[in-house]
Amino acid sequence: MKITDNLFDLTQDQIASSKMMYSGKVVKCLVAPYHTFAQLEKVVKYTKNTYLFPERELSVSQIRGLISMIAANQSNEEFRIITTNQNVILDMIDSCVRVLTEEGDVVDCPCKTFAANIHDIRYYILENEAHQISTSQKQQSKDAINLIIQECQANAHKKMLKADYDILASKVESIGEDVIRGILEGHLQDIEVI
């Protein structure tokens, strides 16, 4: 993923718009419809003003008031929100919103968000095919995982050089799907390292 410590940069005009809308605060919103909390907590730099999927812990009414709460906060530090919640997105001005694509790129928001039509948010941001991995890329990923599965199964209950084992273990560890990775880690335990 290509997420910087500050999530993304804003122009001076965008900073001024944010301060105008949010009581002098710079508030950034990264919409991440293709990633999980577990994936992002490893790459997003945590600060006291970072909200990583706040919808996981707050009630619906608290989520609806999140941006108002931030605007009322006494801190003048930058606030960062990573979310997929439509209520949060609807309270954000689009110049302060970016989308994290399925491939891990941070791209500009493709539509107006502040008090927008909920269907626009859903269609242009949360389900936008331009932000998704193409069918051919998804097939390449499946093919690559299938090769790793075949390699693990072929070497189960056999001896393997440590260097080769380390390479295979690294491939298994890189798999993002917990269930598949867990099964393959079990296969790794059946390999005798020499």
N, C-alpha and C. Protein backbone atom coordinates (compact mmCIF):
# COMPACT_ATOMS: atom_id res chain seq x y z
N MET A 1 0.83 -1.18 0.00
CA MET A 1 0.00 0.00 0.00
C MET A 1 0.87 1.24 0.00
N LYS A 2 0.37 2.26 -0.64
CA LYS A 2 1.14 3.50 -0.79
C LYS A 2 0.56 4.61 0.07
N ILE A 3 0.40 4.34 1.37
CA ILE A 3 -0.16 5.32 2.30
C ILE A 3 0.98 6.01 3.03
N THR A 4 1.01 7.33 2.98
CA THR A 4 2.05 8.09 3.68
C THR A 4 1.62 8.30 5.14
N ASP A 5 2.55 8.76 5.96
CA ASP A 5 2.25 8.98 7.38
C ASP A 5 1.08 9.93 7.58
N ASN A 6 0.95 10.93 6.70
CA ASN A 6 -0.13 11.90 6.85
C ASN A 6 -1.35 11.54 5.98
N LEU A 7 -1.42 10.30 5.51
CA LEU A 7 -2.45 9.74 4.63
C LEU A 7 -2.35 10.29 3.22
N PHE A 8 -2.42 11.62 3.06
CA PHE A 8 -2.30 12.26 1.75
C PHE A 8 -2.09 13.75 1.97
N ASP A 9 -1.57 14.41 0.95
CA ASP A 9 -1.31 15.84 1.04
C ASP A 9 -2.51 16.63 0.53
N LEU A 10 -2.66 17.83 1.08
CA LEU A 10 -3.68 18.77 0.63
C LEU A 10 -3.00 20.02 0.09
N THR A 11 -3.62 20.66 -0.88
CA THR A 11 -3.12 21.95 -1.36
C THR A 11 -3.47 23.01 -0.34
N GLN A 12 -2.90 24.19 -0.48
CA GLN A 12 -3.22 25.29 0.43
C GLN A 12 -4.70 25.66 0.35
N ASP A 13 -5.28 25.61 -0.86
CA ASP A 13 -6.71 25.89 -1.02
C ASP A 13 -7.55 24.84 -0.30
N GLN A 14 -7.15 23.58 -0.39
CA GLN A 14 -7.89 22.51 0.29
C GLN A 14 -7.78 22.65 1.80
N ILE A 15 -6.62 23.02 2.29
CA ILE A 15 -6.44 23.26 3.72
C ILE A 15 -7.35 24.40 4.18
N ALA A 16 -7.39 25.47 3.39
CA ALA A 16 -8.24 26.62 3.73
C ALA A 16 -9.71 26.21 3.73
N SER A 17 -10.13 25.39 2.78
CA SER A 17 -11.52 24.92 2.74
C SER A 17 -11.84 24.08 3.96
N SER A 18 -10.92 23.21 4.34
CA SER A 18 -11.13 22.37 5.52
C SER A 18 -11.26 23.23 6.77
N LYS A 19 -10.38 24.19 6.92
CA LYS A 19 -10.43 25.06 8.10
C LYS A 19 -11.72 25.87 8.14
N MET A 20 -12.19 26.28 6.96
CA MET A 20 -13.44 27.03 6.89
C MET A 20 -14.63 26.15 7.31
N MET A 21 -14.65 24.92 6.85
CA MET A 21 -15.78 24.02 7.11
C MET A 21 -15.76 23.41 8.52
N TYR A 22 -14.57 23.19 9.07
CA TYR A 22 -14.45 22.43 10.31
C TYR A 22 -13.83 23.24 11.45
N SER A 23 -14.26 24.47 11.59
CA SER A 23 -13.88 25.33 12.73
C SER A 23 -12.37 25.42 12.91
N GLY A 24 -11.66 25.65 11.82
CA GLY A 24 -10.22 25.85 11.88
C GLY A 24 -9.40 24.57 11.89
N LYS A 25 -10.03 23.43 11.68
CA LYS A 25 -9.33 22.13 11.71
C LYS A 25 -9.06 21.63 10.29
N VAL A 26 -7.95 20.95 10.14
CA VAL A 26 -7.68 20.20 8.92
C VAL A 26 -8.14 18.78 9.18
N VAL A 27 -9.16 18.34 8.43
CA VAL A 27 -9.73 17.01 8.59
C VAL A 27 -9.61 16.28 7.26
N LYS A 28 -8.95 15.14 7.29
CA LYS A 28 -8.77 14.32 6.08
C LYS A 28 -9.56 13.03 6.25
N CYS A 29 -10.14 12.57 5.14
CA CYS A 29 -10.90 11.33 5.17
C CYS A 29 -10.42 10.42 4.04
N LEU A 30 -9.91 9.26 4.40
CA LEU A 30 -9.49 8.27 3.43
C LEU A 30 -10.54 7.16 3.43
N VAL A 31 -11.21 7.00 2.31
CA VAL A 31 -12.24 5.97 2.18
C VAL A 31 -11.56 4.69 1.72
N ALA A 32 -11.72 3.62 2.49
CA ALA A 32 -11.00 2.37 2.22
C ALA A 32 -11.98 1.19 2.13
N PRO A 33 -12.74 1.11 1.01
CA PRO A 33 -13.75 0.05 0.91
C PRO A 33 -13.21 -1.34 0.63
N TYR A 34 -11.93 -1.46 0.32
CA TYR A 34 -11.37 -2.77 -0.08
C TYR A 34 -10.37 -3.31 0.93
N HIS A 35 -10.23 -2.66 2.07
CA HIS A 35 -9.23 -3.06 3.05
C HIS A 35 -9.86 -3.23 4.42
N THR A 36 -9.22 -4.04 5.24
CA THR A 36 -9.73 -4.31 6.58
C THR A 36 -8.95 -3.53 7.63
N PHE A 37 -9.51 -3.49 8.81
CA PHE A 37 -8.85 -2.86 9.95
C PHE A 37 -7.48 -3.51 10.18
N ALA A 38 -7.45 -4.84 10.14
CA ALA A 38 -6.20 -5.57 10.40
C ALA A 38 -5.13 -5.21 9.39
N GLN A 39 -5.49 -5.04 8.13
CA GLN A 39 -4.51 -4.67 7.11
C GLN A 39 -4.00 -3.25 7.34
N LEU A 40 -4.90 -2.34 7.62
CA LEU A 40 -4.53 -0.92 7.70
C LEU A 40 -3.85 -0.54 9.01
N GLU A 41 -4.16 -1.25 10.09
CA GLU A 41 -3.53 -0.88 11.36
C GLU A 41 -2.01 -1.10 11.31
N LYS A 42 -1.56 -1.94 10.38
CA LYS A 42 -0.13 -2.19 10.23
C LYS A 42 0.58 -1.09 9.44
N VAL A 43 -0.16 -0.33 8.63
CA VAL A 43 0.49 0.65 7.76
C VAL A 43 0.12 2.10 8.07
N VAL A 44 -0.95 2.33 8.81
CA VAL A 44 -1.37 3.69 9.13
C VAL A 44 -0.69 4.12 10.42
N LYS A 45 0.02 5.23 10.35
CA LYS A 45 0.70 5.75 11.54
C LYS A 45 -0.36 6.25 12.52
N TYR A 46 -0.33 5.71 13.72
CA TYR A 46 -1.33 6.06 14.72
C TYR A 46 -0.95 7.36 15.42
N THR A 47 -1.94 8.23 15.55
CA THR A 47 -1.82 9.43 16.39
C THR A 47 -3.10 9.51 17.21
N LYS A 48 -3.13 10.42 18.18
CA LYS A 48 -4.35 10.56 18.99
C LYS A 48 -5.49 11.14 18.17
N ASN A 49 -5.20 11.69 17.00
CA ASN A 49 -6.22 12.27 16.13
C ASN A 49 -6.46 11.43 14.88
N THR A 50 -6.11 10.15 14.96
CA THR A 50 -6.35 9.23 13.85
C THR A 50 -7.50 8.31 14.23
N TYR A 51 -8.48 8.23 13.35
CA TYR A 51 -9.65 7.37 13.57
C TYR A 51 -9.68 6.32 12.47
N LEU A 52 -9.27 5.11 12.83
CA LEU A 52 -9.23 4.00 11.88
C LEU A 52 -10.53 3.20 12.00
N PHE A 53 -11.39 3.30 11.01
CA PHE A 53 -12.70 2.68 10.99
C PHE A 53 -13.45 2.94 12.31
N PRO A 54 -13.73 4.21 12.61
CA PRO A 54 -14.42 4.53 13.87
C PRO A 54 -15.78 3.86 13.97
N GLU A 55 -16.35 3.49 12.83
CA GLU A 55 -17.66 2.82 12.84
C GLU A 55 -17.61 1.47 13.54
N ARG A 56 -16.42 0.94 13.78
CA ARG A 56 -16.30 -0.33 14.49
C ARG A 56 -16.64 -0.19 15.97
N GLU A 57 -16.43 1.00 16.51
CA GLU A 57 -16.55 1.17 17.96
C GLU A 57 -17.63 2.15 18.39
N LEU A 58 -18.15 2.95 17.46
CA LEU A 58 -19.12 3.96 17.82
C LEU A 58 -20.52 3.56 17.37
N SER A 59 -21.51 4.08 18.09
CA SER A 59 -22.89 3.83 17.69
C SER A 59 -23.23 4.66 16.45
N VAL A 60 -24.36 4.39 15.85
CA VAL A 60 -24.78 5.13 14.65
C VAL A 60 -24.90 6.61 14.96
N SER A 61 -25.49 6.95 16.10
CA SER A 61 -25.64 8.37 16.44
C SER A 61 -24.28 9.03 16.70
N GLN A 62 -23.35 8.30 17.30
CA GLN A 62 -22.01 8.85 17.51
C GLN A 62 -21.29 9.06 16.18
N ILE A 63 -21.46 8.13 15.25
CA ILE A 63 -20.84 8.26 13.93
C ILE A 63 -21.40 9.48 13.21
N ARG A 64 -22.72 9.67 13.30
CA ARG A 64 -23.35 10.84 12.64
C ARG A 64 -22.80 12.14 13.21
N GLY A 65 -22.36 12.13 14.46
CA GLY A 65 -21.83 13.34 15.08
C GLY A 65 -20.31 13.41 15.12
N LEU A 66 -19.62 12.46 14.48
CA LEU A 66 -18.15 12.42 14.56
C LEU A 66 -17.50 13.69 14.04
N ILE A 67 -17.90 14.17 12.89
CA ILE A 67 -17.27 15.35 12.30
C ILE A 67 -17.57 16.58 13.16
N SER A 68 -18.78 16.68 13.69
CA SER A 68 -19.12 17.79 14.59
C SER A 68 -18.26 17.73 15.85
N MET A 69 -18.03 16.53 16.37
CA MET A 69 -17.19 16.35 17.56
C MET A 69 -15.76 16.81 17.26
N ILE A 70 -15.26 16.44 16.08
CA ILE A 70 -13.91 16.85 15.69
C ILE A 70 -13.83 18.36 15.56
N ALA A 71 -14.83 18.96 14.91
CA ALA A 71 -14.84 20.41 14.73
C ALA A 71 -14.88 21.14 16.07
N ALA A 72 -15.53 20.55 17.07
CA ALA A 72 -15.63 21.17 18.39
C ALA A 72 -14.39 20.92 19.26
N ASN A 73 -13.52 20.01 18.83
CA ASN A 73 -12.32 19.67 19.60
C ASN A 73 -11.41 20.88 19.71
N GLN A 74 -10.76 21.04 20.86
CA GLN A 74 -9.87 22.19 21.10
C GLN A 74 -8.52 22.06 20.40
N SER A 75 -8.16 20.86 19.99
CA SER A 75 -6.86 20.64 19.36
C SER A 75 -6.82 21.27 17.97
N ASN A 76 -5.67 21.82 17.62
CA ASN A 76 -5.48 22.38 16.27
C ASN A 76 -4.67 21.45 15.39
N GLU A 77 -4.45 20.22 15.86
CA GLU A 77 -3.71 19.25 15.06
C GLU A 77 -4.58 18.72 13.93
N GLU A 78 -3.95 18.10 12.96
CA GLU A 78 -4.66 17.52 11.83
C GLU A 78 -5.40 16.26 12.29
N PHE A 79 -6.61 16.09 11.81
CA PHE A 79 -7.40 14.90 12.11
C PHE A 79 -7.44 14.02 10.87
N ARG A 80 -7.31 12.71 11.09
CA ARG A 80 -7.31 11.75 9.98
C ARG A 80 -8.34 10.67 10.27
N ILE A 81 -9.19 10.41 9.27
CA ILE A 81 -10.23 9.40 9.40
C ILE A 81 -10.08 8.42 8.25
N ILE A 82 -10.05 7.13 8.57
CA ILE A 82 -10.07 6.08 7.56
C ILE A 82 -11.38 5.34 7.79
N THR A 83 -12.24 5.30 6.77
CA THR A 83 -13.59 4.81 6.98
C THR A 83 -14.20 4.25 5.70
N THR A 84 -15.33 3.59 5.87
CA THR A 84 -16.21 3.25 4.75
C THR A 84 -17.63 3.67 5.10
N ASN A 85 -17.79 4.38 6.20
CA ASN A 85 -19.11 4.75 6.67
C ASN A 85 -19.67 5.93 5.88
N GLN A 86 -20.84 5.75 5.32
CA GLN A 86 -21.46 6.77 4.48
C GLN A 86 -21.80 8.03 5.27
N ASN A 87 -22.17 7.90 6.54
CA ASN A 87 -22.50 9.08 7.35
C ASN A 87 -21.28 9.98 7.52
N VAL A 88 -20.12 9.39 7.71
CA VAL A 88 -18.89 10.18 7.84
C VAL A 88 -18.57 10.84 6.50
N ILE A 89 -18.63 10.07 5.43
CA ILE A 89 -18.30 10.60 4.10
C ILE A 89 -19.22 11.76 3.74
N LEU A 90 -20.50 11.67 4.09
CA LEU A 90 -21.47 12.72 3.78
C LEU A 90 -21.18 14.03 4.51
N ASP A 91 -20.44 13.97 5.61
CA ASP A 91 -20.08 15.18 6.36
C ASP A 91 -18.76 15.79 5.91
N MET A 92 -18.11 15.16 4.96
CA MET A 92 -16.79 15.63 4.50
C MET A 92 -16.91 16.37 3.17
N ILE A 93 -16.11 17.43 3.01
CA ILE A 93 -16.04 18.08 1.71
C ILE A 93 -15.09 17.26 0.85
N ASP A 94 -15.43 17.12 -0.42
CA ASP A 94 -14.70 16.20 -1.29
C ASP A 94 -13.23 16.57 -1.46
N SER A 95 -12.86 17.83 -1.29
CA SER A 95 -11.45 18.20 -1.45
C SER A 95 -10.58 17.60 -0.35
N CYS A 96 -11.20 17.14 0.74
CA CYS A 96 -10.46 16.53 1.84
C CYS A 96 -10.68 15.02 1.91
N VAL A 97 -11.24 14.45 0.84
CA VAL A 97 -11.52 13.02 0.78
C VAL A 97 -10.67 12.39 -0.33
N ARG A 98 -10.10 11.23 -0.03
CA ARG A 98 -9.40 10.43 -1.03
C ARG A 98 -9.89 9.00 -0.89
N VAL A 99 -9.65 8.21 -1.93
CA VAL A 99 -10.07 6.81 -1.93
C VAL A 99 -8.84 5.93 -2.00
N LEU A 100 -8.80 4.90 -1.16
CA LEU A 100 -7.75 3.89 -1.21
C LEU A 100 -8.25 2.78 -2.12
N THR A 101 -7.62 2.64 -3.28
CA THR A 101 -8.07 1.64 -4.24
C THR A 101 -7.73 0.24 -3.76
N GLU A 102 -8.28 -0.74 -4.43
CA GLU A 102 -8.02 -2.13 -4.07
C GLU A 102 -6.54 -2.47 -4.22
N GLU A 103 -5.88 -1.81 -5.16
CA GLU A 103 -4.44 -2.04 -5.36
C GLU A 103 -3.57 -1.32 -4.34
N GLY A 104 -4.17 -0.42 -3.55
CA GLY A 104 -3.42 0.27 -2.50
C GLY A 104 -2.97 1.67 -2.87
N ASP A 105 -3.50 2.23 -3.96
CA ASP A 105 -3.17 3.60 -4.35
C ASP A 105 -4.17 4.56 -3.71
N VAL A 106 -3.71 5.76 -3.38
CA VAL A 106 -4.58 6.80 -2.86
C VAL A 106 -4.91 7.73 -4.02
N VAL A 107 -6.21 7.83 -4.36
CA VAL A 107 -6.64 8.63 -5.52
C VAL A 107 -7.65 9.68 -5.08
N ASP A 108 -7.80 10.71 -5.92
CA ASP A 108 -8.75 11.78 -5.64
C ASP A 108 -10.17 11.24 -5.58
N CYS A 109 -10.99 11.93 -4.84
CA CYS A 109 -12.40 11.58 -4.73
C CYS A 109 -13.09 11.92 -6.06
N PRO A 110 -13.85 10.99 -6.63
CA PRO A 110 -14.44 11.20 -7.95
C PRO A 110 -15.76 11.98 -7.96
N CYS A 111 -16.27 12.38 -6.79
CA CYS A 111 -17.54 13.10 -6.77
C CYS A 111 -17.62 14.01 -5.55
N LYS A 112 -18.59 14.90 -5.57
CA LYS A 112 -18.86 15.75 -4.41
C LYS A 112 -19.43 14.86 -3.31
N THR A 113 -19.01 15.11 -2.08
CA THR A 113 -19.44 14.26 -0.98
C THR A 113 -20.30 14.97 0.06
N PHE A 114 -20.05 16.23 0.30
CA PHE A 114 -20.72 16.94 1.38
C PHE A 114 -22.22 17.01 1.11
N ALA A 115 -23.02 16.37 1.98
CA ALA A 115 -24.48 16.32 1.86
C ALA A 115 -24.90 15.82 0.48
N ALA A 116 -24.17 14.88 -0.05
CA ALA A 116 -24.44 14.34 -1.38
C ALA A 116 -25.56 13.31 -1.33
N ASN A 117 -25.98 12.90 -2.50
CA ASN A 117 -26.94 11.81 -2.62
C ASN A 117 -26.22 10.53 -2.19
N ILE A 118 -26.82 9.78 -1.30
CA ILE A 118 -26.20 8.57 -0.76
C ILE A 118 -25.87 7.57 -1.86
N HIS A 119 -26.67 7.56 -2.92
CA HIS A 119 -26.41 6.65 -4.03
C HIS A 119 -25.15 7.04 -4.80
N ASP A 120 -24.87 8.34 -4.88
CA ASP A 120 -23.64 8.80 -5.52
C ASP A 120 -22.42 8.33 -4.72
N ILE A 121 -22.51 8.44 -3.40
CA ILE A 121 -21.42 7.98 -2.53
C ILE A 121 -21.18 6.49 -2.77
N ARG A 122 -22.24 5.76 -2.77
CA ARG A 122 -22.11 4.31 -2.95
C ARG A 122 -21.55 3.96 -4.33
N TYR A 123 -22.12 4.55 -5.39
CA TYR A 123 -21.73 4.19 -6.75
C TYR A 123 -20.35 4.73 -7.14
N TYR A 124 -20.09 6.02 -6.86
CA TYR A 124 -18.85 6.64 -7.32
C TYR A 124 -17.65 6.40 -6.40
N ILE A 125 -17.90 6.07 -5.14
CA ILE A 125 -16.77 5.89 -4.21
C ILE A 125 -16.67 4.44 -3.72
N LEU A 126 -17.72 3.95 -3.08
CA LEU A 126 -17.62 2.65 -2.42
C LEU A 126 -17.64 1.47 -3.38
N GLU A 127 -18.29 1.60 -4.54
CA GLU A 127 -18.38 0.48 -5.47
C GLU A 127 -17.87 0.85 -6.86
N ASN A 128 -17.03 1.83 -6.96
CA ASN A 128 -16.52 2.30 -8.24
C ASN A 128 -15.57 1.26 -8.85
N GLU A 129 -15.92 0.75 -10.02
CA GLU A 129 -15.10 -0.28 -10.66
C GLU A 129 -13.71 0.23 -11.02
N ALA A 130 -13.56 1.54 -11.18
CA ALA A 130 -12.24 2.10 -11.49
C ALA A 130 -11.28 1.96 -10.31
N HIS A 131 -11.82 1.75 -9.11
CA HIS A 131 -11.00 1.61 -7.91
C HIS A 131 -10.70 0.14 -7.58
N GLN A 132 -11.27 -0.76 -8.36
CA GLN A 132 -11.12 -2.18 -8.09
C GLN A 132 -10.04 -2.80 -8.98
N ILE A 133 -9.53 -3.93 -8.55
CA ILE A 133 -8.58 -4.68 -9.36
C ILE A 133 -9.34 -5.27 -10.53
N SER A 134 -8.75 -5.20 -11.70
CA SER A 134 -9.42 -5.73 -12.90
C SER A 134 -9.55 -7.25 -12.80
N THR A 135 -10.44 -7.79 -13.61
CA THR A 135 -10.68 -9.24 -13.62
C THR A 135 -9.39 -9.99 -13.95
N SER A 136 -8.61 -9.47 -14.90
CA SER A 136 -7.37 -10.16 -15.27
C SER A 136 -6.36 -10.13 -14.12
N GLN A 137 -6.32 -9.01 -13.39
CA GLN A 137 -5.41 -8.93 -12.24
C GLN A 137 -5.86 -9.86 -11.12
N LYS A 138 -7.18 -9.96 -10.93
CA LYS A 138 -7.69 -10.88 -9.91
C LYS A 138 -7.32 -12.32 -10.27
N GLN A 139 -7.40 -12.65 -11.55
CA GLN A 139 -7.05 -14.00 -12.00
C GLN A 139 -5.56 -14.26 -11.78
N GLN A 140 -4.72 -13.24 -12.03
CA GLN A 140 -3.28 -13.39 -11.79
C GLN A 140 -3.02 -13.67 -10.32
N SER A 141 -3.74 -12.98 -9.45
CA SER A 141 -3.58 -13.21 -8.00
C SER A 141 -3.99 -14.62 -7.64
N LYS A 142 -5.12 -15.08 -8.19
CA LYS A 142 -5.57 -16.44 -7.92
C LYS A 142 -4.56 -17.45 -8.42
N ASP A 143 -4.02 -17.21 -9.62
CA ASP A 143 -3.02 -18.12 -10.18
C ASP A 143 -1.77 -18.17 -9.29
N ALA A 144 -1.33 -17.00 -8.81
CA ALA A 144 -0.14 -16.95 -7.95
C ALA A 144 -0.38 -17.71 -6.65
N ILE A 145 -1.56 -17.54 -6.06
CA ILE A 145 -1.88 -18.25 -4.82
C ILE A 145 -1.98 -19.75 -5.07
N ASN A 146 -2.58 -20.13 -6.19
CA ASN A 146 -2.67 -21.55 -6.52
C ASN A 146 -1.29 -22.19 -6.67
N LEU A 147 -0.34 -21.45 -7.24
CA LEU A 147 1.04 -21.97 -7.34
C LEU A 147 1.66 -22.18 -5.96
N ILE A 148 1.41 -21.25 -5.05
CA ILE A 148 1.93 -21.39 -3.68
C ILE A 148 1.28 -22.60 -3.00
N ILE A 149 -0.02 -22.77 -3.19
CA ILE A 149 -0.73 -23.93 -2.61
C ILE A 149 -0.13 -25.22 -3.15
N GLN A 150 0.07 -25.29 -4.46
CA GLN A 150 0.65 -26.48 -5.08
C GLN A 150 2.05 -26.76 -4.54
N GLU A 151 2.85 -25.70 -4.38
CA GLU A 151 4.21 -25.87 -3.87
C GLU A 151 4.19 -26.38 -2.43
N CYS A 152 3.28 -25.85 -1.61
CA CYS A 152 3.17 -26.32 -0.22
C CYS A 152 2.74 -27.79 -0.18
N GLN A 153 1.74 -28.12 -0.96
CA GLN A 153 1.24 -29.49 -0.98
C GLN A 153 2.29 -30.46 -1.53
N ALA A 154 3.04 -30.06 -2.53
CA ALA A 154 4.06 -30.93 -3.13
C ALA A 154 5.20 -31.22 -2.16
N ASN A 155 5.46 -30.28 -1.25
CA ASN A 155 6.58 -30.45 -0.32
C ASN A 155 6.17 -30.94 1.06
N ALA A 156 4.88 -31.12 1.28
CA ALA A 156 4.41 -31.62 2.58
C ALA A 156 5.00 -33.01 2.83
N HIS A 157 5.47 -33.22 4.05
CA HIS A 157 6.06 -34.50 4.48
C HIS A 157 7.33 -34.83 3.69
N LYS A 158 8.01 -33.82 3.20
CA LYS A 158 9.28 -34.00 2.50
C LYS A 158 10.33 -33.12 3.16
N LYS A 159 11.59 -33.30 2.74
CA LYS A 159 12.70 -32.50 3.24
C LYS A 159 12.92 -31.33 2.28
N MET A 160 13.32 -30.19 2.88
CA MET A 160 13.54 -29.00 2.07
C MET A 160 14.71 -28.22 2.66
N LEU A 161 15.55 -27.67 1.80
CA LEU A 161 16.66 -26.84 2.26
C LEU A 161 16.11 -25.60 2.96
N LYS A 162 16.81 -25.13 3.98
CA LYS A 162 16.35 -23.98 4.76
C LYS A 162 16.11 -22.76 3.88
N ALA A 163 17.01 -22.49 2.94
CA ALA A 163 16.86 -21.32 2.07
C ALA A 163 15.58 -21.42 1.24
N ASP A 164 15.30 -22.61 0.70
CA ASP A 164 14.08 -22.81 -0.09
C ASP A 164 12.83 -22.71 0.80
N TYR A 165 12.94 -23.27 2.00
CA TYR A 165 11.83 -23.21 2.95
C TYR A 165 11.53 -21.76 3.31
N ASP A 166 12.57 -20.95 3.57
CA ASP A 166 12.37 -19.55 3.93
C ASP A 166 11.67 -18.78 2.82
N ILE A 167 12.01 -19.07 1.58
CA ILE A 167 11.35 -18.42 0.44
C ILE A 167 9.88 -18.80 0.40
N LEU A 168 9.59 -20.09 0.56
CA LEU A 168 8.21 -20.56 0.55
C LEU A 168 7.42 -19.96 1.72
N ALA A 169 8.03 -19.94 2.89
CA ALA A 169 7.37 -19.37 4.07
C ALA A 169 7.08 -17.88 3.87
N SER A 170 7.98 -17.18 3.22
CA SER A 170 7.78 -15.77 2.92
C SER A 170 6.60 -15.57 1.97
N LYS A 171 6.48 -16.44 0.97
CA LYS A 171 5.35 -16.36 0.04
C LYS A 171 4.04 -16.59 0.79
N VAL A 172 4.03 -17.59 1.67
CA VAL A 172 2.82 -17.89 2.44
C VAL A 172 2.46 -16.70 3.32
N GLU A 173 3.44 -16.11 3.98
CA GLU A 173 3.20 -14.99 4.89
C GLU A 173 2.65 -13.77 4.14
N SER A 174 2.95 -13.64 2.87
CA SER A 174 2.49 -12.48 2.10
C SER A 174 1.02 -12.56 1.70
N ILE A 175 0.39 -13.70 1.87
CA ILE A 175 -1.02 -13.88 1.49
C ILE A 175 -1.90 -13.15 2.50
N GLY A 176 -2.77 -12.28 1.99
CA GLY A 176 -3.61 -11.45 2.85
C GLY A 176 -4.82 -12.17 3.41
N GLU A 177 -5.31 -13.18 2.73
CA GLU A 177 -6.49 -13.92 3.19
C GLU A 177 -6.10 -14.83 4.35
N ASP A 178 -6.64 -14.54 5.53
CA ASP A 178 -6.27 -15.25 6.76
C ASP A 178 -6.49 -16.75 6.69
N VAL A 179 -7.62 -17.17 6.13
CA VAL A 179 -7.95 -18.60 6.10
C VAL A 179 -6.95 -19.36 5.22
N ILE A 180 -6.69 -18.84 4.02
CA ILE A 180 -5.75 -19.51 3.12
C ILE A 180 -4.36 -19.53 3.74
N ARG A 181 -3.92 -18.37 4.27
CA ARG A 181 -2.59 -18.30 4.88
C ARG A 181 -2.48 -19.29 6.04
N GLY A 182 -3.52 -19.39 6.87
CA GLY A 182 -3.49 -20.30 8.01
C GLY A 182 -3.38 -21.75 7.60
N ILE A 183 -4.10 -22.14 6.56
CA ILE A 183 -4.03 -23.52 6.07
C ILE A 183 -2.63 -23.82 5.54
N LEU A 184 -2.08 -22.86 4.79
CA LEU A 184 -0.74 -23.08 4.23
C LEU A 184 0.33 -23.08 5.30
N GLU A 185 0.15 -22.30 6.35
CA GLU A 185 1.10 -22.34 7.47
C GLU A 185 1.08 -23.72 8.11
N GLY A 186 -0.09 -24.35 8.13
CA GLY A 186 -0.17 -25.73 8.62
C GLY A 186 0.60 -26.68 7.73
N HIS A 187 0.53 -26.49 6.43
CA HIS A 187 1.30 -27.31 5.49
C HIS A 187 2.81 -27.11 5.69
N LEU A 188 3.20 -25.87 6.01
CA LEU A 188 4.63 -25.58 6.24
C LEU A 188 5.16 -26.39 7.41
N GLN A 189 4.33 -26.62 8.42
CA GLN A 189 4.76 -27.38 9.59
C GLN A 189 5.03 -28.83 9.25
N ASP A 190 4.49 -29.32 8.13
CA ASP A 190 4.71 -30.71 7.71
C ASP A 190 5.99 -30.87 6.90
N ILE A 191 6.69 -29.78 6.66
CA ILE A 191 7.93 -29.85 5.87
C ILE A 191 9.11 -29.97 6.81
N GLU A 192 10.00 -30.91 6.53
CA GLU A 192 11.21 -31.08 7.33
C GLU A 192 12.30 -30.20 6.73
N VAL A 193 12.79 -29.25 7.54
CA VAL A 193 13.82 -28.31 7.08
C VAL A 193 15.20 -28.90 7.36
N ILE A 194 16.04 -28.90 6.31
CA ILE A 194 17.42 -29.40 6.49
C ILE A 194 18.43 -28.33 6.19
